[in-house]
Amino acid sequence: MLKPFRHIVHAAGYSIAGLIYLLRNESAARIELAAVIVALFWFVVLDRPLSNYLILLVLGCVLFSIEALNTAIEAVVDKVSPEQSQFAKTAKDLGSTAVFFILAASGLYIAAVTADAFGLIALVAI
């Protein structure tokens, strides 16, 4: 009975350790966290509905997930291929591309919510 609970507690500890590593060692992650916080405050200024905040928080979680995977890819590639190689470059470029696309999606969402707040477009309410 306690074994599943112990597993969850250990898994949570590993996740927190990963988040701490990410925020301490990756300036991009710190900048992204700041951007999410600024966007949340911007939504407050725009007086947006709760659904907009929830979507932004989901996008932020996906962003941090992809940033963590990108950091993990870079760490593994640096260990496996310490010398410069096309393999290492391709792996790192693909990880960076994944981060770029979630950043673009998040930016588009923030722009759309802003445009909706100013009456430039009409977003469908969820």
N, C-alpha and C. Protein backbone atom coordinates (compact mmCIF):
# COMPACT_ATOMS: atom_id res chain seq x y z
N MET A 1 0.82 -1.20 0.00
CA MET A 1 0.00 0.00 0.00
C MET A 1 0.86 1.27 0.00
N LEU A 2 1.95 1.25 0.75
CA LEU A 2 2.81 2.42 0.82
C LEU A 2 3.77 2.52 -0.37
N LYS A 3 4.00 1.40 -1.05
CA LYS A 3 4.96 1.39 -2.16
C LYS A 3 4.54 2.37 -3.29
N PRO A 4 3.28 2.38 -3.74
CA PRO A 4 2.90 3.35 -4.78
C PRO A 4 3.05 4.80 -4.30
N PHE A 5 2.69 5.05 -3.05
CA PHE A 5 2.83 6.40 -2.51
C PHE A 5 4.30 6.81 -2.47
N ARG A 6 5.16 5.89 -2.03
CA ARG A 6 6.60 6.16 -1.98
C ARG A 6 7.13 6.46 -3.38
N HIS A 7 6.65 5.71 -4.36
CA HIS A 7 7.07 5.93 -5.75
C HIS A 7 6.68 7.34 -6.21
N ILE A 8 5.46 7.76 -5.89
CA ILE A 8 5.00 9.10 -6.29
C ILE A 8 5.84 10.17 -5.62
N VAL A 9 6.16 9.99 -4.35
CA VAL A 9 6.97 10.97 -3.62
C VAL A 9 8.37 11.06 -4.24
N HIS A 10 8.96 9.91 -4.56
CA HIS A 10 10.29 9.91 -5.18
C HIS A 10 10.24 10.56 -6.56
N ALA A 11 9.23 10.23 -7.34
CA ALA A 11 9.09 10.82 -8.68
C ALA A 11 8.95 12.33 -8.60
N ALA A 12 8.16 12.80 -7.64
CA ALA A 12 8.00 14.24 -7.46
C ALA A 12 9.33 14.89 -7.08
N GLY A 13 10.10 14.21 -6.25
CA GLY A 13 11.42 14.73 -5.87
C GLY A 13 12.35 14.84 -7.07
N TYR A 14 12.33 13.84 -7.95
CA TYR A 14 13.15 13.89 -9.16
C TYR A 14 12.70 15.04 -10.07
N SER A 15 11.39 15.23 -10.16
CA SER A 15 10.86 16.31 -11.01
C SER A 15 11.27 17.67 -10.48
N ILE A 16 11.19 17.85 -9.17
CA ILE A 16 11.59 19.12 -8.56
C ILE A 16 13.09 19.35 -8.77
N ALA A 17 13.89 18.29 -8.62
CA ALA A 17 15.33 18.41 -8.84
C ALA A 17 15.61 18.83 -10.29
N GLY A 18 14.87 18.27 -11.23
CA GLY A 18 15.04 18.64 -12.64
C GLY A 18 14.68 20.09 -12.89
N LEU A 19 13.58 20.54 -12.27
CA LEU A 19 13.16 21.93 -12.43
C LEU A 19 14.21 22.87 -11.83
N ILE A 20 14.72 22.53 -10.67
CA ILE A 20 15.76 23.35 -10.04
C ILE A 20 17.00 23.41 -10.93
N TYR A 21 17.41 22.26 -11.47
CA TYR A 21 18.56 22.23 -12.38
C TYR A 21 18.30 23.13 -13.58
N LEU A 22 17.12 23.00 -14.16
CA LEU A 22 16.77 23.79 -15.34
C LEU A 22 16.85 25.28 -15.06
N LEU A 23 16.27 25.71 -13.96
CA LEU A 23 16.25 27.14 -13.64
C LEU A 23 17.63 27.66 -13.22
N ARG A 24 18.44 26.83 -12.60
CA ARG A 24 19.78 27.27 -12.18
C ARG A 24 20.77 27.32 -13.34
N ASN A 25 20.62 26.41 -14.29
CA ASN A 25 21.64 26.22 -15.32
C ASN A 25 21.27 26.69 -16.72
N GLU A 26 20.02 26.96 -16.96
CA GLU A 26 19.59 27.35 -18.30
C GLU A 26 18.98 28.75 -18.28
N SER A 27 19.72 29.72 -18.79
CA SER A 27 19.20 31.09 -18.80
C SER A 27 17.93 31.19 -19.64
N ALA A 28 17.82 30.39 -20.68
CA ALA A 28 16.61 30.41 -21.50
C ALA A 28 15.38 30.05 -20.66
N ALA A 29 15.51 29.09 -19.76
CA ALA A 29 14.39 28.69 -18.92
C ALA A 29 13.99 29.83 -17.98
N ARG A 30 14.97 30.55 -17.45
CA ARG A 30 14.66 31.68 -16.57
C ARG A 30 13.97 32.80 -17.35
N ILE A 31 14.41 33.04 -18.56
CA ILE A 31 13.78 34.06 -19.41
C ILE A 31 12.35 33.63 -19.75
N GLU A 32 12.16 32.35 -20.07
CA GLU A 32 10.83 31.85 -20.40
C GLU A 32 9.89 31.94 -19.20
N LEU A 33 10.39 31.63 -18.01
CA LEU A 33 9.57 31.75 -16.80
C LEU A 33 9.15 33.21 -16.61
N ALA A 34 10.09 34.12 -16.78
CA ALA A 34 9.77 35.55 -16.65
C ALA A 34 8.72 35.96 -17.69
N ALA A 35 8.85 35.45 -18.90
CA ALA A 35 7.89 35.79 -19.96
C ALA A 35 6.48 35.28 -19.62
N VAL A 36 6.40 34.09 -19.07
CA VAL A 36 5.09 33.55 -18.68
C VAL A 36 4.48 34.40 -17.57
N ILE A 37 5.28 34.79 -16.60
CA ILE A 37 4.79 35.64 -15.51
C ILE A 37 4.32 36.99 -16.03
N VAL A 38 5.10 37.60 -16.93
CA VAL A 38 4.71 38.88 -17.53
C VAL A 38 3.40 38.71 -18.31
N ALA A 39 3.28 37.62 -19.06
CA ALA A 39 2.05 37.38 -19.82
C ALA A 39 0.85 37.22 -18.90
N LEU A 40 1.04 36.54 -17.77
CA LEU A 40 -0.06 36.39 -16.81
C LEU A 40 -0.50 37.77 -16.29
N PHE A 41 0.46 38.61 -15.94
CA PHE A 41 0.12 39.97 -15.49
C PHE A 41 -0.55 40.77 -16.61
N TRP A 42 -0.09 40.57 -17.84
CA TRP A 42 -0.70 41.25 -18.99
C TRP A 42 -2.16 40.84 -19.12
N PHE A 43 -2.46 39.57 -18.91
CA PHE A 43 -3.84 39.09 -18.97
C PHE A 43 -4.67 39.72 -17.85
N VAL A 44 -4.07 39.96 -16.70
CA VAL A 44 -4.76 40.65 -15.60
C VAL A 44 -5.12 42.07 -16.04
N VAL A 45 -4.14 42.76 -16.65
CA VAL A 45 -4.38 44.13 -17.13
C VAL A 45 -5.51 44.13 -18.16
N LEU A 46 -5.54 43.12 -19.02
CA LEU A 46 -6.57 43.03 -20.05
C LEU A 46 -7.90 42.51 -19.52
N ASP A 47 -7.94 42.09 -18.25
CA ASP A 47 -9.14 41.57 -17.61
C ASP A 47 -9.72 40.38 -18.40
N ARG A 48 -8.85 39.40 -18.64
CA ARG A 48 -9.24 38.24 -19.44
C ARG A 48 -9.95 37.19 -18.58
N PRO A 49 -10.76 36.33 -19.24
CA PRO A 49 -11.45 35.27 -18.49
C PRO A 49 -10.49 34.17 -18.04
N LEU A 50 -10.93 33.38 -17.08
CA LEU A 50 -10.12 32.32 -16.50
C LEU A 50 -9.59 31.35 -17.57
N SER A 51 -10.39 31.07 -18.58
CA SER A 51 -9.96 30.12 -19.61
C SER A 51 -8.68 30.58 -20.31
N ASN A 52 -8.51 31.89 -20.49
CA ASN A 52 -7.28 32.39 -21.11
C ASN A 52 -6.07 32.12 -20.24
N TYR A 53 -6.21 32.28 -18.93
CA TYR A 53 -5.12 32.00 -18.00
C TYR A 53 -4.76 30.51 -18.02
N LEU A 54 -5.79 29.68 -18.03
CA LEU A 54 -5.54 28.23 -18.02
C LEU A 54 -4.80 27.78 -19.27
N ILE A 55 -5.21 28.30 -20.41
CA ILE A 55 -4.54 27.94 -21.67
C ILE A 55 -3.08 28.42 -21.63
N LEU A 56 -2.87 29.64 -21.14
CA LEU A 56 -1.50 30.16 -21.04
C LEU A 56 -0.66 29.30 -20.11
N LEU A 57 -1.23 28.87 -18.99
CA LEU A 57 -0.48 28.01 -18.06
C LEU A 57 -0.17 26.65 -18.68
N VAL A 58 -1.10 26.10 -19.45
CA VAL A 58 -0.83 24.83 -20.15
C VAL A 58 0.30 25.03 -21.15
N LEU A 59 0.25 26.11 -21.91
CA LEU A 59 1.34 26.40 -22.86
C LEU A 59 2.67 26.57 -22.13
N GLY A 60 2.64 27.21 -20.97
CA GLY A 60 3.86 27.36 -20.17
C GLY A 60 4.40 26.02 -19.70
N CYS A 61 3.51 25.12 -19.29
CA CYS A 61 3.95 23.77 -18.86
C CYS A 61 4.54 23.00 -20.03
N VAL A 62 3.92 23.11 -21.20
CA VAL A 62 4.46 22.44 -22.39
C VAL A 62 5.82 23.03 -22.74
N LEU A 63 5.93 24.35 -22.65
CA LEU A 63 7.20 25.02 -22.92
C LEU A 63 8.30 24.50 -22.00
N PHE A 64 8.02 24.42 -20.69
CA PHE A 64 9.04 23.94 -19.76
C PHE A 64 9.35 22.47 -19.99
N SER A 65 8.36 21.68 -20.39
CA SER A 65 8.61 20.28 -20.72
C SER A 65 9.57 20.16 -21.89
N ILE A 66 9.30 20.92 -22.93
CA ILE A 66 10.16 20.86 -24.12
C ILE A 66 11.55 21.42 -23.81
N GLU A 67 11.61 22.49 -23.02
CA GLU A 67 12.91 23.05 -22.63
C GLU A 67 13.71 22.03 -21.83
N ALA A 68 13.04 21.30 -20.93
CA ALA A 68 13.72 20.27 -20.14
C ALA A 68 14.22 19.15 -21.04
N LEU A 69 13.40 18.71 -21.99
CA LEU A 69 13.84 17.66 -22.92
C LEU A 69 15.00 18.15 -23.78
N ASN A 70 14.94 19.40 -24.22
CA ASN A 70 16.04 19.96 -25.01
C ASN A 70 17.33 19.98 -24.19
N THR A 71 17.23 20.36 -22.93
CA THR A 71 18.41 20.38 -22.06
C THR A 71 18.95 18.96 -21.86
N ALA A 72 18.04 18.00 -21.69
CA ALA A 72 18.46 16.60 -21.54
C ALA A 72 19.15 16.10 -22.81
N ILE A 73 18.61 16.44 -23.97
CA ILE A 73 19.24 16.05 -25.24
C ILE A 73 20.65 16.63 -25.32
N GLU A 74 20.79 17.91 -24.98
CA GLU A 74 22.10 18.55 -25.04
C GLU A 74 23.09 17.87 -24.09
N ALA A 75 22.63 17.52 -22.89
CA ALA A 75 23.52 16.86 -21.92
C ALA A 75 23.97 15.50 -22.42
N VAL A 76 23.05 14.72 -22.97
CA VAL A 76 23.40 13.40 -23.48
C VAL A 76 24.33 13.52 -24.68
N VAL A 77 24.02 14.43 -25.59
CA VAL A 77 24.86 14.61 -26.78
C VAL A 77 26.26 15.05 -26.38
N ASP A 78 26.37 15.96 -25.42
CA ASP A 78 27.69 16.41 -24.97
C ASP A 78 28.49 15.26 -24.36
N LYS A 79 27.82 14.35 -23.69
CA LYS A 79 28.49 13.20 -23.07
C LYS A 79 28.90 12.17 -24.13
N VAL A 80 27.99 11.89 -25.05
CA VAL A 80 28.23 10.84 -26.06
C VAL A 80 29.18 11.33 -27.15
N SER A 81 29.07 12.60 -27.50
CA SER A 81 29.84 13.13 -28.62
C SER A 81 30.51 14.44 -28.21
N PRO A 82 31.56 14.37 -27.36
CA PRO A 82 32.19 15.61 -26.88
C PRO A 82 32.87 16.41 -28.00
N GLU A 83 33.28 15.73 -29.07
CA GLU A 83 33.88 16.44 -30.19
C GLU A 83 32.76 16.97 -31.09
N GLN A 84 33.08 17.95 -31.91
CA GLN A 84 32.08 18.47 -32.84
C GLN A 84 31.77 17.42 -33.89
N SER A 85 30.48 17.22 -34.13
CA SER A 85 30.07 16.26 -35.15
C SER A 85 28.72 16.69 -35.73
N GLN A 86 28.43 16.20 -36.90
CA GLN A 86 27.15 16.50 -37.53
C GLN A 86 26.00 15.90 -36.70
N PHE A 87 26.22 14.73 -36.12
CA PHE A 87 25.23 14.09 -35.26
C PHE A 87 24.85 15.01 -34.10
N ALA A 88 25.86 15.54 -33.43
CA ALA A 88 25.61 16.41 -32.28
C ALA A 88 24.90 17.69 -32.70
N LYS A 89 25.33 18.26 -33.80
CA LYS A 89 24.70 19.49 -34.29
C LYS A 89 23.25 19.26 -34.63
N THR A 90 22.97 18.18 -35.34
CA THR A 90 21.59 17.88 -35.74
C THR A 90 20.70 17.66 -34.52
N ALA A 91 21.17 16.89 -33.56
CA ALA A 91 20.38 16.62 -32.35
C ALA A 91 20.08 17.92 -31.61
N LYS A 92 21.07 18.75 -31.44
CA LYS A 92 20.86 20.01 -30.72
C LYS A 92 19.97 20.96 -31.51
N ASP A 93 20.15 21.01 -32.82
CA ASP A 93 19.30 21.88 -33.65
C ASP A 93 17.84 21.45 -33.59
N LEU A 94 17.59 20.15 -33.59
CA LEU A 94 16.21 19.66 -33.53
C LEU A 94 15.57 19.97 -32.18
N GLY A 95 16.33 19.85 -31.12
CA GLY A 95 15.82 20.22 -29.80
C GLY A 95 15.49 21.70 -29.74
N SER A 96 16.35 22.51 -30.30
CA SER A 96 16.12 23.95 -30.35
C SER A 96 14.89 24.28 -31.19
N THR A 97 14.70 23.56 -32.27
CA THR A 97 13.53 23.77 -33.12
C THR A 97 12.24 23.49 -32.36
N ALA A 98 12.24 22.44 -31.55
CA ALA A 98 11.06 22.11 -30.76
C ALA A 98 10.72 23.26 -29.80
N VAL A 99 11.73 23.82 -29.17
CA VAL A 99 11.52 24.96 -28.26
C VAL A 99 10.97 26.14 -29.06
N PHE A 100 11.54 26.39 -30.23
CA PHE A 100 11.09 27.51 -31.06
C PHE A 100 9.60 27.41 -31.38
N PHE A 101 9.14 26.22 -31.74
CA PHE A 101 7.75 26.09 -32.15
C PHE A 101 6.78 26.30 -30.99
N ILE A 102 7.10 25.86 -29.79
CA ILE A 102 6.20 26.12 -28.66
C ILE A 102 6.28 27.59 -28.27
N LEU A 103 7.45 28.22 -28.41
CA LEU A 103 7.53 29.66 -28.17
C LEU A 103 6.68 30.43 -29.18
N ALA A 104 6.73 30.01 -30.44
CA ALA A 104 5.92 30.67 -31.47
C ALA A 104 4.43 30.49 -31.19
N ALA A 105 4.03 29.27 -30.81
CA ALA A 105 2.63 29.01 -30.50
C ALA A 105 2.18 29.87 -29.31
N SER A 106 3.01 29.96 -28.29
CA SER A 106 2.68 30.76 -27.11
C SER A 106 2.57 32.25 -27.47
N GLY A 107 3.51 32.71 -28.28
CA GLY A 107 3.47 34.11 -28.71
C GLY A 107 2.24 34.42 -29.54
N LEU A 108 1.87 33.50 -30.42
CA LEU A 108 0.66 33.69 -31.23
C LEU A 108 -0.58 33.74 -30.34
N TYR A 109 -0.60 32.88 -29.33
CA TYR A 109 -1.75 32.87 -28.43
C TYR A 109 -1.84 34.19 -27.66
N ILE A 110 -0.74 34.66 -27.13
CA ILE A 110 -0.74 35.93 -26.40
C ILE A 110 -1.16 37.07 -27.31
N ALA A 111 -0.67 37.07 -28.54
CA ALA A 111 -1.06 38.10 -29.51
C ALA A 111 -2.55 38.03 -29.82
N ALA A 112 -3.09 36.82 -29.98
CA ALA A 112 -4.51 36.66 -30.27
C ALA A 112 -5.38 37.13 -29.11
N VAL A 113 -4.98 36.78 -27.89
CA VAL A 113 -5.74 37.23 -26.71
C VAL A 113 -5.69 38.75 -26.61
N THR A 114 -4.54 39.34 -26.88
CA THR A 114 -4.41 40.79 -26.85
C THR A 114 -5.28 41.44 -27.92
N ALA A 115 -5.25 40.88 -29.13
CA ALA A 115 -6.08 41.42 -30.21
C ALA A 115 -7.56 41.30 -29.88
N ASP A 116 -7.94 40.20 -29.25
CA ASP A 116 -9.33 40.02 -28.84
C ASP A 116 -9.72 41.07 -27.79
N ALA A 117 -8.83 41.33 -26.87
CA ALA A 117 -9.11 42.31 -25.81
C ALA A 117 -9.32 43.71 -26.37
N PHE A 118 -8.65 44.03 -27.47
CA PHE A 118 -8.78 45.34 -28.10
C PHE A 118 -9.83 45.36 -29.21
N GLY A 119 -10.56 44.26 -29.37
CA GLY A 119 -11.63 44.21 -30.35
C GLY A 119 -11.18 44.05 -31.78
N LEU A 120 -9.94 43.66 -32.00
CA LEU A 120 -9.42 43.50 -33.36
C LEU A 120 -9.84 42.18 -33.98
N ILE A 121 -10.01 41.15 -33.16
CA ILE A 121 -10.51 39.85 -33.59
C ILE A 121 -11.47 39.35 -32.52
N ALA A 122 -12.19 38.30 -32.84
CA ALA A 122 -13.10 37.71 -31.86
C ALA A 122 -12.72 36.26 -31.64
N LEU A 123 -12.17 35.96 -30.46
CA LEU A 123 -11.86 34.58 -30.11
C LEU A 123 -13.13 33.89 -29.64
N VAL A 124 -13.26 32.64 -29.96
CA VAL A 124 -14.41 31.86 -29.51
C VAL A 124 -14.20 31.51 -28.05
N ALA A 125 -15.19 31.76 -27.22
CA ALA A 125 -15.09 31.44 -25.79
C ALA A 125 -15.16 29.94 -25.59
N ILE A 126 -14.35 29.46 -24.67
CA ILE A 126 -14.34 28.03 -24.36
C ILE A 126 -15.19 27.78 -23.15
